[in-house]
């Protein structure tokens, strides 16, 4: 009985996963780099999924601590 309360959430997630993305088709052309994780092609800005880079206004330097897995 407890599993039935998760059924609407599961159905919603399946529907969202199968929906097409907002892009209407492939984008082709010369890419311009906006910042570390964003490019622009023909006026369409595209964020690169899974890329963690500083934004154009952020500074990247040695003052930040290393992640705990690096030490």
Protein backbone atom coordinates (compact mmCIF):
# COMPACT_ATOMS: atom_id res chain seq x y z
CA UNK A 1 0.00 0.00 0.00
CA UNK A 2 2.87 2.37 0.78
CA UNK A 3 4.31 1.84 -2.69
CA UNK A 4 1.13 3.14 -4.31
CA UNK A 5 1.74 6.65 -2.97
CA UNK A 6 4.89 6.84 -5.13
CA UNK A 7 3.04 5.83 -8.30
CA UNK A 8 2.01 9.39 -9.38
CA UNK A 9 5.58 10.65 -8.92
CA UNK A 10 6.98 7.70 -10.88
CA UNK A 11 4.51 8.24 -13.73
CA UNK A 12 5.34 11.97 -13.83
CA UNK A 13 9.08 11.26 -14.00
CA UNK A 14 8.62 8.75 -16.82
CA UNK A 15 6.54 11.26 -18.79
CA UNK A 16 9.12 14.02 -18.28
CA UNK A 17 11.97 11.73 -19.38
CA UNK A 18 10.22 10.78 -22.61
CA UNK A 19 9.28 14.34 -23.61
CA UNK A 20 11.37 15.86 -26.41
CA UNK A 21 13.80 18.62 -25.52
CA UNK A 22 13.04 22.23 -26.36
CA UNK A 23 15.39 22.18 -29.36
CA UNK A 24 13.51 21.89 -32.64
CA UNK A 25 16.41 20.27 -34.48
CA UNK A 26 20.16 20.26 -34.84
CA UNK A 27 21.97 23.58 -34.60
CA UNK A 28 24.83 24.04 -37.04
CA UNK A 29 27.23 26.91 -37.50
CA UNK A 30 30.27 28.62 -36.02
CA UNK A 31 30.37 28.43 -32.22
CA UNK A 32 31.44 31.35 -30.06
CA UNK A 33 32.64 30.74 -26.52
CA UNK A 34 30.67 32.76 -23.97
CA UNK A 35 32.37 31.36 -20.86
CA UNK A 36 33.73 28.06 -19.59
CA UNK A 37 30.49 26.11 -19.95
CA UNK A 38 28.45 28.10 -22.48
CA UNK A 39 28.71 28.45 -26.25
CA UNK A 40 26.57 30.37 -28.73
CA UNK A 41 25.62 29.24 -32.23
CA UNK A 42 23.48 31.52 -34.42
CA UNK A 43 22.17 33.43 -31.39
CA UNK A 44 21.27 30.24 -29.47
CA UNK A 45 23.13 29.95 -26.15
CA UNK A 46 23.93 26.37 -25.19
CA UNK A 47 25.01 25.32 -21.68
CA UNK A 48 27.30 22.31 -21.65
CA UNK A 49 25.88 19.72 -19.26
CA UNK A 50 28.32 18.35 -16.70
CA UNK A 51 30.96 21.05 -17.22
CA UNK A 52 31.80 22.93 -14.04
CA UNK A 53 33.74 26.03 -15.01
CA UNK A 54 33.95 29.57 -13.61
CA UNK A 55 31.61 32.11 -15.13
CA UNK A 56 33.15 34.95 -17.16
CA UNK A 57 32.85 37.38 -14.22
CA UNK A 58 34.41 34.98 -11.68
CA UNK A 59 38.09 34.83 -10.86
CA UNK A 60 39.91 31.54 -10.70
CA UNK A 61 42.96 31.52 -8.50
CA UNK A 62 45.04 29.70 -5.94
CA UNK A 63 43.16 31.14 -2.96
CA UNK A 64 40.48 28.46 -3.02
CA UNK A 65 41.01 25.30 -0.99
CA UNK A 66 41.50 21.97 -2.73
CA UNK A 67 38.58 19.52 -2.55
CA UNK A 68 38.87 17.01 0.29
CA UNK A 69 39.40 14.09 -2.13
CA UNK A 70 42.57 15.79 -3.45
CA UNK A 71 44.31 15.93 -0.09
